[in-house]
Amino acid sequence: MSELYERYKKEVVPALMDRFQYKSVMEVPKLLKVSLNMGVGEAVADSKVLDNAVRDLTIISGQKPVITRASKSISNFKLRKGMAVGCKVTLRGEQMYNFVEKLIRAALPRIRDFNGLSPKGFDGRGNYSLGLTEQLMFPEISYDEIDQVRGMNVSFNTSAKTDEEAFELLKFLGLPFRQ
């Protein structure tokens, strides 16, 4: 299993039990899934752009993404219902922990002028979202192979009931939040 998951079991669970006075280990919040989403608006004009985005997301996540399609037509964007507009992947289990570890140790430190993640990305129900501006921060992506710099959204879904519990969980897992 992942080193991060072992740390969760040995260090994070006892720390959260002390901090929030849980009576059972089953009450301790845990990371349920991590979703990566890459919107590719240019795919309306050129379908090759979407293929490159799928390739990049596959390399980053280690899992084949699903192509997302437009739910309704918008004439101003020359978009019709059913057109491919992006790709997404949902990670669970060991792949999820491997991705989070890679994000914390390899990708986030490569961001220029990085002062930490904003603690304002919580949704009120214990889930956290952040936006990444480019796929080049991941070590697997070569600068020579990309056609265009693309950003992505990363969402952490937890079993926490409040934002405070989720914040403590993610902080204990190693996400570098701003003070």
Protein backbone atom coordinates (compact mmCIF):
# COMPACT_ATOMS: atom_id res chain seq x y z
CA MET A 1 0.00 0.00 0.00
CA SER A 2 1.02 3.62 -0.34
CA GLU A 3 3.29 5.31 2.17
CA LEU A 4 0.68 8.04 2.59
CA TYR A 5 -2.03 5.50 3.50
CA GLU A 6 0.26 3.89 6.09
CA ARG A 7 0.89 7.34 7.57
CA TYR A 8 -2.86 7.97 7.63
CA LYS A 9 -3.47 4.81 9.67
CA LYS A 10 -0.56 5.29 12.09
CA GLU A 11 -0.44 9.07 12.63
CA VAL A 12 -3.49 10.85 11.24
CA VAL A 13 -6.23 8.69 12.78
CA PRO A 14 -4.92 9.03 16.38
CA ALA A 15 -4.28 12.77 15.92
CA LEU A 16 -7.81 13.39 14.60
CA MET A 17 -9.33 11.24 17.36
CA ASP A 18 -7.60 13.43 19.97
CA ARG A 19 -8.41 16.70 18.20
CA PHE A 20 -12.16 16.08 17.69
CA GLN A 21 -12.82 13.67 20.60
CA TYR A 22 -14.20 10.85 18.44
CA LYS A 23 -15.36 7.79 20.36
CA SER A 24 -14.76 5.32 17.53
CA VAL A 25 -12.14 4.96 14.80
CA MET A 26 -14.99 4.71 12.29
CA GLU A 27 -15.94 8.35 13.00
CA VAL A 28 -12.57 9.64 11.81
CA PRO A 29 -12.89 11.30 8.39
CA LYS A 30 -11.06 9.73 5.48
CA LEU A 31 -10.29 10.56 1.90
CA LEU A 32 -12.92 8.89 -0.30
CA LYS A 33 -11.89 9.94 -3.82
CA VAL A 34 -9.92 12.46 -5.83
CA SER A 35 -11.38 13.75 -9.10
CA LEU A 36 -9.34 15.37 -11.85
CA ASN A 37 -11.16 17.41 -14.47
CA MET A 38 -9.69 19.07 -17.54
CA GLY A 39 -11.99 21.30 -19.58
CA VAL A 40 -10.96 21.66 -23.22
CA GLY A 41 -13.09 24.29 -24.90
CA GLU A 42 -10.91 24.26 -28.02
CA ALA A 43 -12.04 20.69 -28.70
CA VAL A 44 -15.13 22.12 -30.40
CA ALA A 45 -12.97 23.31 -33.31
CA ASP A 46 -10.24 20.64 -33.28
CA SER A 47 -10.73 17.10 -31.92
CA LYS A 48 -6.94 16.45 -31.77
CA VAL A 49 -6.75 18.86 -28.82
CA LEU A 50 -8.99 16.56 -26.80
CA ASP A 51 -6.83 13.54 -27.66
CA ASN A 52 -3.78 15.36 -26.30
CA ALA A 53 -5.66 16.33 -23.12
CA VAL A 54 -6.74 12.70 -22.62
CA ARG A 55 -3.13 11.56 -23.11
CA ASP A 56 -1.83 14.10 -20.55
CA LEU A 57 -4.48 13.19 -17.97
CA THR A 58 -3.76 9.47 -18.47
CA ILE A 59 -0.05 10.05 -17.84
CA ILE A 60 -0.72 12.19 -14.76
CA SER A 61 -3.33 9.96 -13.12
CA GLY A 62 -2.30 6.49 -14.30
CA GLN A 63 -5.89 5.79 -15.31
CA LYS A 64 -7.80 6.35 -18.56
CA PRO A 65 -10.09 9.41 -18.38
CA VAL A 66 -13.72 9.60 -19.45
CA ILE A 67 -14.62 12.18 -22.09
CA THR A 68 -17.20 14.71 -20.88
CA ARG A 69 -19.81 16.02 -23.27
CA ALA A 70 -21.85 19.24 -23.41
CA SER A 71 -25.23 18.88 -21.70
CA LYS A 72 -26.88 21.64 -23.72
CA SER A 73 -26.29 23.74 -26.81
CA ILE A 74 -24.87 27.26 -26.51
CA SER A 75 -24.84 29.15 -29.80
CA ASN A 76 -22.42 31.90 -28.64
CA PHE A 77 -19.73 29.25 -28.08
CA LYS A 78 -20.64 27.30 -31.26
CA LEU A 79 -21.41 24.38 -28.98
CA ARG A 80 -23.99 21.68 -29.61
CA LYS A 81 -25.42 19.22 -27.14
CA GLY A 82 -23.30 16.05 -27.04
CA MET A 83 -20.03 17.60 -28.27
CA ALA A 84 -16.87 16.57 -26.40
CA VAL A 85 -15.69 19.44 -24.18
CA GLY A 86 -13.27 17.86 -21.70
CA CYS A 87 -12.16 14.80 -19.79
CA LYS A 88 -12.24 13.64 -16.19
CA VAL A 89 -10.90 10.82 -14.06
CA THR A 90 -11.87 9.66 -10.58
CA LEU A 91 -9.20 8.02 -8.44
CA ARG A 92 -9.93 5.78 -5.47
CA GLY A 93 -7.89 3.46 -3.26
CA GLU A 94 -4.18 3.03 -3.84
CA GLN A 95 -4.10 5.09 -7.06
CA MET A 96 -5.71 7.97 -5.17
CA TYR A 97 -3.08 7.90 -2.42
CA ASN A 98 -0.28 7.60 -5.00
CA PHE A 99 -1.61 10.66 -6.86
CA VAL A 100 -1.97 12.73 -3.67
CA GLU A 101 1.57 11.80 -2.66
CA LYS A 102 2.86 12.79 -6.13
CA LEU A 103 0.92 16.07 -5.97
CA ILE A 104 2.33 16.97 -2.54
CA ARG A 105 5.93 15.88 -3.09
CA ALA A 106 6.58 16.52 -6.77
CA ALA A 107 4.01 18.79 -8.42
CA LEU A 108 3.21 21.55 -5.90
CA PRO A 109 6.88 22.33 -5.09
CA ARG A 110 7.46 22.97 -8.83
CA ILE A 111 4.98 25.88 -8.89
CA ARG A 112 6.74 29.24 -9.13
CA ASP A 113 6.14 31.60 -6.19
CA PHE A 114 4.12 28.97 -4.32
CA ASN A 115 3.05 30.10 -0.83
CA GLY A 116 0.66 27.27 -0.06
CA LEU A 117 -2.86 26.26 -1.02
CA SER A 118 -5.76 28.55 -0.25
CA PRO A 119 -7.87 27.35 2.70
CA LYS A 120 -10.95 28.90 1.01
CA GLY A 121 -11.52 25.99 -1.40
CA PHE A 122 -13.88 24.08 0.92
CA ASP A 123 -17.54 23.67 -0.01
CA GLY A 124 -19.16 23.56 3.45
CA ARG A 125 -19.58 19.76 3.43
CA GLY A 126 -15.96 18.68 3.91
CA ASN A 127 -14.78 18.59 0.28
CA TYR A 128 -11.87 20.62 -1.08
CA SER A 129 -11.17 21.81 -4.63
CA LEU A 130 -8.16 23.47 -6.16
CA GLY A 131 -7.18 24.59 -9.62
CA LEU A 132 -3.83 23.87 -11.23
CA THR A 133 -2.73 26.24 -14.00
CA GLU A 134 -0.56 23.89 -16.04
CA GLN A 135 0.11 20.20 -16.52
CA LEU A 136 3.88 20.79 -16.73
CA MET A 137 4.23 20.74 -12.93
CA PHE A 138 3.92 16.95 -12.99
CA PRO A 139 7.31 15.28 -13.57
CA GLU A 140 5.92 12.73 -16.08
CA ILE A 141 4.90 15.43 -18.56
CA SER A 142 7.71 16.45 -20.88
CA TYR A 143 7.80 20.03 -22.12
CA ASP A 144 8.60 18.84 -25.66
CA GLU A 145 5.58 16.52 -25.91
CA ILE A 146 2.81 19.00 -25.05
CA ASP A 147 1.00 21.01 -27.69
CA GLN A 148 -0.52 23.55 -25.32
CA VAL A 149 -0.44 24.41 -21.60
CA ARG A 150 -3.70 23.33 -19.95
CA GLY A 151 -4.95 23.61 -16.41
CA MET A 152 -7.11 21.23 -14.43
CA ASN A 153 -9.32 21.05 -11.36
CA VAL A 154 -8.56 18.66 -8.52
CA SER A 155 -11.34 17.81 -6.03
CA PHE A 156 -10.77 15.95 -2.78
CA ASN A 157 -13.92 14.24 -1.47
CA THR A 158 -13.77 13.30 2.20
CA SER A 159 -16.15 11.69 4.66
CA ALA A 160 -15.78 14.72 6.97
CA LYS A 161 -19.00 16.42 8.02
CA THR A 162 -17.51 19.91 8.42
CA ASP A 163 -14.86 21.97 6.67
CA GLU A 164 -12.81 22.13 9.86
CA GLU A 165 -12.56 18.34 10.04
CA ALA A 166 -11.65 18.11 6.34
CA PHE A 167 -9.06 20.88 6.72
CA GLU A 168 -7.37 19.03 9.58
CA LEU A 169 -7.47 15.73 7.67
CA LEU A 170 -5.88 17.21 4.54
CA LYS A 171 -3.34 19.15 6.61
CA PHE A 172 -2.32 15.97 8.44
CA LEU A 173 -2.03 14.16 5.09
CA GLY A 174 0.49 16.79 4.03
CA LEU A 175 -1.32 19.33 1.83
CA PRO A 176 0.55 22.62 2.29
CA PHE A 177 -2.11 25.18 3.25
CA ARG A 178 -1.41 28.91 3.56
CA GLN A 179 -1.38 30.28 7.11
